Amino acid sequence: MVTLRGKILAAFLFFLTCLTTTGAGAILAGQDPLTSLSGFLSGLPYSFTLMLILSAHEAGHYFVSRRYGVTSPLPWFIPAPTLIGTFGAVIRLPRLPGSRLALFDIALAGPIAGLIPSVIALAVGIRLSSILPGGAPPASGMEIGESLMFRFLAWAFSTGTSGDSTLLLSPVGFAGWVGLLVTALNLMPVGQLDGGHLAWALLGRKARRILWGIFPLLLTLGYRGWRGWWIWAGLLLLMGVSHPELPDGETRLPPSRVVWGGIALLIEVLVFVPDPLRFV
């Protein structure tokens, strides 16, 4: 049961995250959010898009949890004065579902629900983006990594691009890119992440072999590219890479969920970015 205090806290955090994402969006739009109201409001397209994506992700978890009779509090959105304006959102279940099937469906619902608006936002954002011809990148700024999904959408929806041109992604498109990155992070088969729940529901104790293989992979990726993977690896260690046992640990999932597990793995391959950010 969601208490009044819980509702007020969730609403307050949601409001703060709207403010921080709007401020981040204003900066992405080339405006100073602190000098004028119009400058601050210029970040609304980015903020609205990203909050819609994050809300869809958490709504997927919430409603499927309710379908299985699992008490689920409202999600907590985490405001942050960062480049994207937030550290995402979390739902802390008071207890794990009583079956592997319920755990699988609840874990998968969030990434699937968030993926759909992310792809739409990125496709629309690419159409709204401008093209810098000649392949000359800006003198300063930020370069984002390209997942396989991003490359496909850029090929399908951008106009006037060629091998020697640079896509200047719009704030809406950047929100879609962030949504794909959030999906990739959540589908990593580690601990209490959605991917960790999926791996445990599918493989049981055998999933530990995968879980412990992710940590050295992140260290390697951080050494070869984006140092943020080292921070992410540390956070995963703090969260714990193991997973609690389930009452029906020996029960196998139906074939349909095995197929969906393969789809989740394919999605992870398509949206994962080994080197997400690079500053010029």
C-alpha atoms as a PDB file:
ATOM      1  CA  MET A   1       0.000   0.000   0.000  1.00  0.00           C
ATOM      2  CA  VAL A   2       1.313   3.431  -0.959  1.00  0.00           C
ATOM      3  CA  THR A   3       1.100   5.828   1.992  1.00  0.00           C
ATOM      4  CA  LEU A   4       0.355   9.527   1.704  1.00  0.00           C
ATOM      5  CA  ARG A   5       3.900  10.286   2.810  1.00  0.00           C
ATOM      6  CA  GLY A   6       5.241   8.030   0.057  1.00  0.00           C
ATOM      7  CA  LYS A   7       3.088   9.755  -2.555  1.00  0.00           C
ATOM      8  CA  ILE A   8       4.241  13.208  -1.452  1.00  0.00           C
ATOM      9  CA  LEU A   9       7.914  12.175  -1.504  1.00  0.00           C
ATOM     10  CA  ALA A  10       7.581  10.566  -4.941  1.00  0.00           C
ATOM     11  CA  ALA A  11       5.806  13.653  -6.318  1.00  0.00           C
ATOM     12  CA  PHE A  12       8.421  15.993  -4.841  1.00  0.00           C
ATOM     13  CA  LEU A  13      11.312  14.001  -6.330  1.00  0.00           C
ATOM     14  CA  PHE A  14       9.509  13.909  -9.685  1.00  0.00           C
ATOM     15  CA  PHE A  15       9.120  17.710  -9.578  1.00  0.00           C
ATOM     16  CA  LEU A  16      12.792  18.246  -8.707  1.00  0.00           C
ATOM     17  CA  THR A  17      13.857  15.926 -11.524  1.00  0.00           C
ATOM     18  CA  CYS A  18      11.683  17.884 -13.954  1.00  0.00           C
ATOM     19  CA  LEU A  19      13.566  21.025 -12.883  1.00  0.00           C
ATOM     20  CA  THR A  20      17.041  19.510 -13.215  1.00  0.00           C
ATOM     21  CA  THR A  21      16.300  17.881 -16.580  1.00  0.00           C
ATOM     22  CA  THR A  22      14.834  21.152 -17.877  1.00  0.00           C
ATOM     23  CA  GLY A  23      17.997  22.955 -16.795  1.00  0.00           C
ATOM     24  CA  ALA A  24      20.123  20.332 -18.535  1.00  0.00           C
ATOM     25  CA  GLY A  25      17.956  20.625 -21.637  1.00  0.00           C
ATOM     26  CA  ALA A  26      18.431  24.385 -21.694  1.00  0.00           C
ATOM     27  CA  ILE A  27      22.201  23.931 -21.651  1.00  0.00           C
ATOM     28  CA  LEU A  28      21.913  21.404 -24.479  1.00  0.00           C
ATOM     29  CA  ALA A  29      19.916  23.997 -26.418  1.00  0.00           C
ATOM     30  CA  GLY A  30      22.719  26.534 -25.954  1.00  0.00           C
ATOM     31  CA  GLN A  31      20.913  28.616 -23.311  1.00  0.00           C
ATOM     32  CA  ASP A  32      21.796  29.619 -19.767  1.00  0.00           C
ATOM     33  CA  PRO A  33      18.949  28.316 -17.559  1.00  0.00           C
ATOM     34  CA  LEU A  34      19.877  30.678 -14.717  1.00  0.00           C
ATOM     35  CA  THR A  35      19.735  34.006 -16.536  1.00  0.00           C
ATOM     36  CA  SER A  36      16.138  34.097 -17.752  1.00  0.00           C
ATOM     37  CA  LEU A  37      12.880  32.184 -17.618  1.00  0.00           C
ATOM     38  CA  SER A  38      12.815  31.847 -21.404  1.00  0.00           C
ATOM     39  CA  GLY A  39      16.309  30.367 -21.332  1.00  0.00           C
ATOM     40  CA  PHE A  40      15.233  27.857 -18.690  1.00  0.00           C
ATOM     41  CA  LEU A  41      12.055  26.925 -20.561  1.00  0.00           C
ATOM     42  CA  SER A  42      14.051  26.207 -23.711  1.00  0.00           C
ATOM     43  CA  GLY A  43      14.981  22.934 -21.995  1.00  0.00           C
ATOM     44  CA  LEU A  44      11.387  21.682 -21.916  1.00  0.00           C
ATOM     45  CA  PRO A  45      11.540  19.594 -25.132  1.00  0.00           C
ATOM     46  CA  TYR A  46      14.444  17.576 -23.752  1.00  0.00           C
ATOM     47  CA  SER A  47      12.987  17.358 -20.242  1.00  0.00           C
ATOM     48  CA  PHE A  48       9.508  16.316 -21.366  1.00  0.00           C
ATOM     49  CA  THR A  49      10.917  13.636 -23.685  1.00  0.00           C
ATOM     50  CA  LEU A  50      13.324  12.166 -21.133  1.00  0.00           C
ATOM     51  CA  MET A  51      10.782  12.188 -18.301  1.00  0.00           C
ATOM     52  CA  LEU A  52       8.286  10.441 -20.585  1.00  0.00           C
ATOM     53  CA  ILE A  53      10.853   7.723 -21.336  1.00  0.00           C
ATOM     54  CA  LEU A  54      11.804   7.217 -17.693  1.00  0.00           C
ATOM     55  CA  SER A  55       8.148   7.253 -16.619  1.00  0.00           C
ATOM     56  CA  ALA A  56       7.278   4.628 -19.224  1.00  0.00           C
ATOM     57  CA  HIS A  57      10.086   2.402 -17.942  1.00  0.00           C
ATOM     58  CA  GLU A  58       8.949   2.648 -14.330  1.00  0.00           C
ATOM     59  CA  ALA A  59       5.277   2.304 -15.280  1.00  0.00           C
ATOM     60  CA  GLY A  60       6.099  -0.998 -16.956  1.00  0.00           C
ATOM     61  CA  HIS A  61       7.543  -2.325 -13.707  1.00  0.00           C
ATOM     62  CA  TYR A  62       4.744  -0.858 -11.606  1.00  0.00           C
ATOM     63  CA  PHE A  63       1.740  -2.197 -13.497  1.00  0.00           C
ATOM     64  CA  VAL A  64       3.160  -5.683 -14.093  1.00  0.00           C
ATOM     65  CA  SER A  65       4.042  -5.863 -10.386  1.00  0.00           C
ATOM     66  CA  ARG A  66       0.446  -5.034  -9.533  1.00  0.00           C
ATOM     67  CA  ARG A  67      -0.741  -7.673 -12.031  1.00  0.00           C
ATOM     68  CA  TYR A  68       1.160 -10.330 -10.079  1.00  0.00           C
ATOM     69  CA  GLY A  69      -0.061  -9.020  -6.737  1.00  0.00           C
ATOM     70  CA  VAL A  70       3.352  -7.685  -5.727  1.00  0.00           C
ATOM     71  CA  THR A  71       3.070  -4.533  -3.635  1.00  0.00           C
ATOM     72  CA  SER A  72       5.014  -1.832  -5.440  1.00  0.00           C
ATOM     73  CA  PRO A  73       5.642   1.699  -4.183  1.00  0.00           C
ATOM     74  CA  LEU A  74       5.706   4.648  -6.533  1.00  0.00           C
ATOM     75  CA  PRO A  75       9.037   5.176  -8.321  1.00  0.00           C
ATOM     76  CA  TRP A  76      11.581   7.616  -6.994  1.00  0.00           C
ATOM     77  CA  PHE A  77      13.041   9.870  -9.685  1.00  0.00           C
ATOM     78  CA  ILE A  78      16.543  11.024  -8.800  1.00  0.00           C
ATOM     79  CA  PRO A  79      17.359  14.661  -9.646  1.00  0.00           C
ATOM     80  CA  ALA A  80      20.984  15.523 -10.360  1.00  0.00           C
ATOM     81  CA  PRO A  81      22.850  18.591 -11.668  1.00  0.00           C
ATOM     82  CA  THR A  82      24.515  16.509 -14.384  1.00  0.00           C
ATOM     83  CA  LEU A  83      24.727  16.631 -18.167  1.00  0.00           C
ATOM     84  CA  ILE A  84      21.458  14.690 -18.479  1.00  0.00           C
ATOM     85  CA  GLY A  85      19.834  16.165 -15.354  1.00  0.00           C
ATOM     86  CA  THR A  86      19.061  12.931 -13.513  1.00  0.00           C
ATOM     87  CA  PHE A  87      20.407   9.660 -12.219  1.00  0.00           C
ATOM     88  CA  GLY A  88      17.268   7.901 -13.463  1.00  0.00           C
ATOM     89  CA  ALA A  89      14.559   6.385 -11.280  1.00  0.00           C
ATOM     90  CA  VAL A  90      14.186   3.390  -9.000  1.00  0.00           C
ATOM     91  CA  ILE A  91      11.437   1.232  -7.529  1.00  0.00           C
ATOM     92  CA  ARG A  92      12.337  -0.625  -4.362  1.00  0.00           C
ATOM     93  CA  LEU A  93      10.114  -3.662  -3.991  1.00  0.00           C
ATOM     94  CA  PRO A  94       9.545  -4.623  -0.332  1.00  0.00           C
ATOM     95  CA  ARG A  95       9.914  -8.265  -1.359  1.00  0.00           C
ATOM     96  CA  LEU A  96      10.805 -10.241  -4.449  1.00  0.00           C
ATOM     97  CA  PRO A  97       8.033 -11.939  -6.426  1.00  0.00           C
ATOM     98  CA  GLY A  98       7.216 -15.474  -5.330  1.00  0.00           C
ATOM     99  CA  SER A  99       7.969 -17.078  -8.697  1.00  0.00           C
ATOM    100  CA  ARG A 100      10.577 -16.945 -11.432  1.00  0.00           C
ATOM    101  CA  LEU A 101       7.841 -16.197 -13.974  1.00  0.00           C
ATOM    102  CA  ALA A 102       6.674 -13.110 -12.087  1.00  0.00           C
ATOM    103  CA  LEU A 103      10.260 -11.948 -11.563  1.00  0.00           C
ATOM    104  CA  PHE A 104      10.984 -12.321 -15.276  1.00  0.00           C
ATOM    105  CA  ASP A 105       7.871 -10.461 -16.437  1.00  0.00           C
ATOM    106  CA  ILE A 106       8.309  -7.604 -13.959  1.00  0.00           C
ATOM    107  CA  ALA A 107      11.979  -7.174 -14.840  1.00  0.00           C
ATOM    108  CA  LEU A 108      11.386  -7.239 -18.598  1.00  0.00           C
ATOM    109  CA  ALA A 109       8.398  -4.867 -18.561  1.00  0.00           C
ATOM    110  CA  GLY A 110      10.480  -1.796 -17.680  1.00  0.00           C
ATOM    111  CA  PRO A 111      13.108  -1.992 -20.449  1.00  0.00           C
ATOM    112  CA  ILE A 112      10.513  -2.866 -23.101  1.00  0.00           C
ATOM    113  CA  ALA A 113       8.192  -0.036 -22.020  1.00  0.00           C
ATOM    114  CA  GLY A 114      11.076   2.457 -21.993  1.00  0.00           C
ATOM    115  CA  LEU A 115      12.600   1.248 -25.257  1.00  0.00           C
ATOM    116  CA  ILE A 116       9.569   2.117 -27.389  1.00  0.00           C
ATOM    117  CA  PRO A 117       9.432   5.876 -26.612  1.00  0.00           C
ATOM    118  CA  SER A 118      13.246   6.014 -26.709  1.00  0.00           C
ATOM    119  CA  VAL A 119      13.314   4.741 -30.292  1.00  0.00           C
ATOM    120  CA  ILE A 120      10.494   7.091 -31.314  1.00  0.00           C
ATOM    121  CA  ALA A 121      12.191  10.081 -29.653  1.00  0.00           C
ATOM    122  CA  LEU A 122      15.525   9.297 -31.268  1.00  0.00           C
ATOM    123  CA  ALA A 123      13.941   8.899 -34.705  1.00  0.00           C
ATOM    124  CA  VAL A 124      12.040  12.199 -34.354  1.00  0.00           C
ATOM    125  CA  GLY A 125      15.081  13.889 -32.835  1.00  0.00           C
ATOM    126  CA  ILE A 126      17.280  12.817 -35.726  1.00  0.00           C
ATOM    127  CA  ARG A 127      14.808  14.402 -38.154  1.00  0.00           C
ATOM    128  CA  LEU A 128      14.989  17.621 -36.106  1.00  0.00           C
ATOM    129  CA  SER A 129      18.786  17.606 -36.016  1.00  0.00           C
ATOM    130  CA  SER A 130      21.092  19.645 -38.195  1.00  0.00           C
ATOM    131  CA  ILE A 131      23.936  18.454 -40.373  1.00  0.00           C
ATOM    132  CA  LEU A 132      27.492  19.783 -40.264  1.00  0.00           C
ATOM    133  CA  PRO A 133      28.935  19.093 -43.707  1.00  0.00           C
ATOM    134  CA  GLY A 134      32.502  18.246 -44.527  1.00  0.00           C
ATOM    135  CA  GLY A 135      33.070  15.949 -41.570  1.00  0.00           C
ATOM    136  CA  ALA A 136      34.553  18.777 -39.462  1.00  0.00           C
ATOM    137  CA  PRO A 137      33.404  18.328 -35.841  1.00  0.00           C
ATOM    138  CA  PRO A 138      32.776  21.351 -33.619  1.00  0.00           C
ATOM    139  CA  ALA A 139      35.857  22.948 -32.065  1.00  0.00           C
ATOM    140  CA  SER A 140      34.543  22.002 -28.629  1.00  0.00           C
ATOM    141  CA  GLY A 141      31.662  20.005 -27.275  1.00  0.00           C
ATOM    142  CA  MET A 142      30.678  16.414 -26.710  1.00  0.00           C
ATOM    143  CA  GLU A 143      30.671  13.402 -28.970  1.00  0.00           C
ATOM    144  CA  ILE A 144      28.291  10.562 -28.135  1.00  0.00           C
ATOM    145  CA  GLY A 145      28.872   6.917 -28.873  1.00  0.00           C
ATOM    146  CA  GLU A 146      26.782   5.196 -31.498  1.00  0.00           C
ATOM    147  CA  SER A 147      25.047   1.921 -30.791  1.00  0.00           C
ATOM    148  CA  LEU A 148      23.908  -0.341 -33.604  1.00  0.00           C
ATOM    149  CA  MET A 149      20.362   0.900 -33.041  1.00  0.00           C
ATOM    150  CA  PHE A 150      21.503   4.514 -33.261  1.00  0.00           C
ATOM    151  CA  ARG A 151      23.364   3.895 -36.524  1.00  0.00           C
ATOM    152  CA  PHE A 152      20.323   2.251 -38.047  1.00  0.00           C
ATOM    153  CA  LEU A 153      17.997   5.082 -37.034  1.00  0.00           C
ATOM    154  CA  ALA A 154      20.488   7.704 -38.243  1.00  0.00           C
ATOM    155  CA  TRP A 155      20.648   5.942 -41.607  1.00  0.00           C
ATOM    156  CA  ALA A 156      16.859   5.613 -41.817  1.00  0.00           C
ATOM    157  CA  PHE A 157      15.748   9.067 -40.636  1.00  0.00           C
ATOM    158  CA  SER A 158      18.540  11.578 -41.220  1.00  0.00           C
ATOM    159  CA  THR A 159      18.563  13.649 -44.403  1.00  0.00           C
ATOM    160  CA  GLY A 160      21.561  14.992 -46.226  1.00  0.00           C
ATOM    161  CA  THR A 161      24.129  12.947 -44.298  1.00  0.00           C
ATOM    162  CA  SER A 162      27.046  11.173 -45.848  1.00  0.00           C
ATOM    163  CA  GLY A 163      30.216   9.516 -44.728  1.00  0.00           C
ATOM    164  CA  ASP A 164      31.976  12.884 -44.279  1.00  0.00           C
ATOM    165  CA  SER A 165      29.203  14.756 -42.437  1.00  0.00           C
ATOM    166  CA  THR A 166      28.495  15.206 -38.716  1.00  0.00           C
ATOM    167  CA  LEU A 167      25.033  14.935 -37.145  1.00  0.00           C
ATOM    168  CA  LEU A 168      24.359  17.642 -34.544  1.00  0.00           C
ATOM    169  CA  LEU A 169      21.771  15.826 -32.474  1.00  0.00           C
ATOM    170  CA  SER A 170      18.772  17.819 -31.253  1.00  0.00           C
ATOM    171  CA  PRO A 171      17.760  17.841 -27.545  1.00  0.00           C
ATOM    172  CA  VAL A 172      14.827  15.520 -28.302  1.00  0.00           C
ATOM    173  CA  GLY A 173      17.177  13.156 -30.096  1.00  0.00           C
ATOM    174  CA  PHE A 174      19.638  13.300 -27.209  1.00  0.00           C
ATOM    175  CA  ALA A 175      16.829  12.374 -24.807  1.00  0.00           C
ATOM    176  CA  GLY A 176      16.117   9.349 -26.997  1.00  0.00           C
ATOM    177  CA  TRP A 177      19.818   8.458 -26.962  1.00  0.00           C
ATOM    178  CA  VAL A 178      19.832   8.694 -23.159  1.00  0.00           C
ATOM    179  CA  GLY A 179      16.787   6.416 -23.084  1.00  0.00           C
ATOM    180  CA  LEU A 180      18.638   3.773 -25.108  1.00  0.00           C
ATOM    181  CA  LEU A 181      21.649   4.108 -22.797  1.00  0.00           C
ATOM    182  CA  VAL A 182      19.410   3.639 -19.744  1.00  0.00           C
ATOM    183  CA  THR A 183      17.947   0.537 -21.381  1.00  0.00           C
ATOM    184  CA  ALA A 184      21.423  -0.844 -22.036  1.00  0.00           C
ATOM    185  CA  LEU A 185      22.525  -0.245 -18.456  1.00  0.00           C
ATOM    186  CA  ASN A 186      19.391  -1.790 -16.993  1.00  0.00           C
ATOM    187  CA  LEU A 187      19.653  -4.913 -19.160  1.00  0.00           C
ATOM    188  CA  MET A 188      23.168  -5.710 -17.959  1.00  0.00           C
ATOM    189  CA  PRO A 189      22.884  -9.138 -16.244  1.00  0.00           C
ATOM    190  CA  VAL A 190      24.159  -8.009 -12.855  1.00  0.00           C
ATOM    191  CA  GLY A 191      22.707  -8.103  -9.350  1.00  0.00           C
ATOM    192  CA  GLN A 192      19.547  -6.092  -8.818  1.00  0.00           C
ATOM    193  CA  LEU A 193      19.437  -4.585 -12.306  1.00  0.00           C
ATOM    194  CA  ASP A 194      16.634  -5.695 -14.603  1.00  0.00           C
ATOM    195  CA  GLY A 195      19.095  -7.816 -16.558  1.00  0.00           C
ATOM    196  CA  GLY A 196      20.236  -9.491 -13.348  1.00  0.00           C
ATOM    197  CA  HIS A 197      16.656 -10.440 -12.526  1.00  0.00           C
ATOM    198  CA  LEU A 198      16.152 -11.768 -16.048  1.00  0.00           C
ATOM    199  CA  ALA A 199      19.331 -13.848 -15.930  1.00  0.00           C
ATOM    200  CA  TRP A 200      18.421 -15.311 -12.544  1.00  0.00           C
ATOM    201  CA  ALA A 201      14.857 -16.087 -13.616  1.00  0.00           C
ATOM    202  CA  LEU A 202      16.131 -17.845 -16.743  1.00  0.00           C
ATOM    203  CA  LEU A 203      19.230 -19.625 -15.455  1.00  0.00           C
ATOM    204  CA  GLY A 204      18.908 -19.806 -11.681  1.00  0.00           C
ATOM    205  CA  ARG A 205      22.247 -20.244  -9.906  1.00  0.00           C
ATOM    206  CA  LYS A 206      24.035 -20.709 -13.232  1.00  0.00           C
ATOM    207  CA  ALA A 207      23.553 -16.976 -13.796  1.00  0.00           C
ATOM    208  CA  ARG A 208      26.361 -16.286 -11.304  1.00  0.00           C
ATOM    209  CA  ARG A 209      28.893 -17.229 -13.966  1.00  0.00           C
ATOM    210  CA  ILE A 210      27.589 -14.430 -16.156  1.00  0.00           C
ATOM    211  CA  LEU A 211      27.273 -11.960 -13.300  1.00  0.00           C
ATOM    212  CA  TRP A 212      30.912 -12.258 -12.270  1.00  0.00           C
ATOM    213  CA  GLY A 213      32.040 -12.001 -15.895  1.00  0.00           C
ATOM    214  CA  ILE A 214      30.531  -8.546 -16.283  1.00  0.00           C
ATOM    215  CA  PHE A 215      32.777  -6.871 -13.704  1.00  0.00           C
ATOM    216  CA  PRO A 216      36.149  -7.475 -15.474  1.00  0.00           C
ATOM    217  CA  LEU A 217      34.450  -6.542 -18.758  1.00  0.00           C
ATOM    218  CA  LEU A 218      33.520  -3.128 -17.341  1.00  0.00           C
ATOM    219  CA  LEU A 219      37.065  -2.614 -16.057  1.00  0.00           C
ATOM    220  CA  THR A 220      38.414  -3.415 -19.514  1.00  0.00           C
ATOM    221  CA  LEU A 221      35.950  -1.068 -21.225  1.00  0.00           C
ATOM    222  CA  GLY A 222      36.932   1.694 -18.784  1.00  0.00           C
ATOM    223  CA  TYR A 223      40.616   1.154 -19.520  1.00  0.00           C
ATOM    224  CA  ARG A 224      40.140   1.219 -23.287  1.00  0.00           C
ATOM    225  CA  GLY A 225      37.595   4.040 -23.446  1.00  0.00           C
ATOM    226  CA  TRP A 226      35.046   5.722 -21.197  1.00  0.00           C
ATOM    227  CA  ARG A 227      36.305   5.933 -17.607  1.00  0.00           C
ATOM    228  CA  GLY A 228      32.729   6.082 -16.376  1.00  0.00           C
ATOM    229  CA  TRP A 229      32.611   2.284 -16.624  1.00  0.00           C
ATOM    230  CA  TRP A 230      34.941   2.128 -13.610  1.00  0.00           C
ATOM    231  CA  ILE A 231      32.433   4.160 -11.568  1.00  0.00           C
ATOM    232  CA  TRP A 232      29.629   1.926 -12.817  1.00  0.00           C
ATOM    233  CA  ALA A 233      31.594  -1.188 -11.843  1.00  0.00           C
ATOM    234  CA  GLY A 234      32.063   0.233  -8.337  1.00  0.00           C
ATOM    235  CA  LEU A 235      28.351   0.957  -8.028  1.00  0.00           C
ATOM    236  CA  LEU A 236      27.538  -2.608  -9.093  1.00  0.00           C
ATOM    237  CA  LEU A 237      29.842  -3.952  -6.402  1.00  0.00           C
ATOM    238  CA  LEU A 238      28.092  -1.783  -3.816  1.00  0.00           C
ATOM    239  CA  MET A 239      24.681  -3.035  -4.992  1.00  0.00           C
ATOM    240  CA  GLY A 240      25.921  -6.612  -4.996  1.00  0.00           C
ATOM    241  CA  VAL A 241      26.423  -8.885  -7.971  1.00  0.00           C
ATOM    242  CA  SER A 242      24.627 -11.857  -6.422  1.00  0.00           C
ATOM    243  CA  HIS A 243      20.883 -12.440  -6.328  1.00  0.00           C
ATOM    244  CA  PRO A 244      18.506 -13.667  -3.605  1.00  0.00           C
ATOM    245  CA  GLU A 245      17.077 -17.155  -3.967  1.00  0.00           C
ATOM    246  CA  LEU A 246      13.480 -17.599  -5.103  1.00  0.00           C
ATOM    247  CA  PRO A 247      10.980 -20.049  -3.578  1.00  0.00           C
ATOM    248  CA  ASP A 248      10.520 -21.907  -6.876  1.00  0.00           C
ATOM    249  CA  GLY A 249      14.187 -21.827  -7.824  1.00  0.00           C
ATOM    250  CA  GLU A 250      14.022 -25.165  -9.624  1.00  0.00           C
ATOM    251  CA  THR A 251      10.964 -24.305 -11.728  1.00  0.00           C
ATOM    252  CA  ARG A 252      11.668 -23.723 -15.402  1.00  0.00           C
ATOM    253  CA  LEU A 253      10.182 -20.845 -17.335  1.00  0.00           C
ATOM    254  CA  PRO A 254       7.844 -21.572 -20.263  1.00  0.00           C
ATOM    255  CA  PRO A 255       9.381 -21.508 -23.776  1.00  0.00           C
ATOM    256  CA  SER A 256       7.774 -18.140 -24.515  1.00  0.00           C
ATOM    257  CA  ARG A 257       9.854 -16.508 -21.770  1.00  0.00           C
ATOM    258  CA  VAL A 258      13.013 -18.148 -23.105  1.00  0.00           C
ATOM    259  CA  VAL A 259      12.233 -16.497 -26.446  1.00  0.00           C
ATOM    260  CA  TRP A 260      11.728 -13.166 -24.716  1.00  0.00           C
ATOM    261  CA  GLY A 261      15.024 -13.682 -22.925  1.00  0.00           C
ATOM    262  CA  GLY A 262      16.678 -13.988 -26.329  1.00  0.00           C
ATOM    263  CA  ILE A 263      14.904 -10.815 -27.460  1.00  0.00           C
ATOM    264  CA  ALA A 264      16.194  -8.992 -24.365  1.00  0.00           C
ATOM    265  CA  LEU A 265      19.738 -10.143 -25.184  1.00  0.00           C
ATOM    266  CA  LEU A 266      19.324  -8.925 -28.778  1.00  0.00           C
ATOM    267  CA  ILE A 267      18.088  -5.555 -27.529  1.00  0.00           C
ATOM    268  CA  GLU A 268      21.136  -5.264 -25.270  1.00  0.00           C
ATOM    269  CA  VAL A 269      23.430  -5.930 -28.219  1.00  0.00           C
ATOM    270  CA  LEU A 270      21.626  -3.342 -30.349  1.00  0.00           C
ATOM    271  CA  VAL A 271      21.578  -0.509 -27.782  1.00  0.00           C
ATOM    272  CA  PHE A 272      24.845  -1.033 -25.876  1.00  0.00           C
ATOM    273  CA  VAL A 273      27.490   1.672 -26.361  1.00  0.00           C
ATOM    274  CA  PRO A 274      31.069   0.685 -25.392  1.00  0.00           C
ATOM    275  CA  ASP A 275      32.240   4.326 -25.380  1.00  0.00           C
ATOM    276  CA  PRO A 276      29.204   6.516 -24.568  1.00  0.00           C
ATOM    277  CA  LEU A 277      30.740   9.966 -24.141  1.00  0.00           C
ATOM    278  CA  ARG A 278      33.800  11.764 -25.399  1.00  0.00           C
ATOM    279  CA  PHE A 279      34.525  15.454 -24.806  1.00  0.00           C
ATOM    280  CA  VAL A 280      36.205  17.470 -27.546  1.00  0.00           C
END
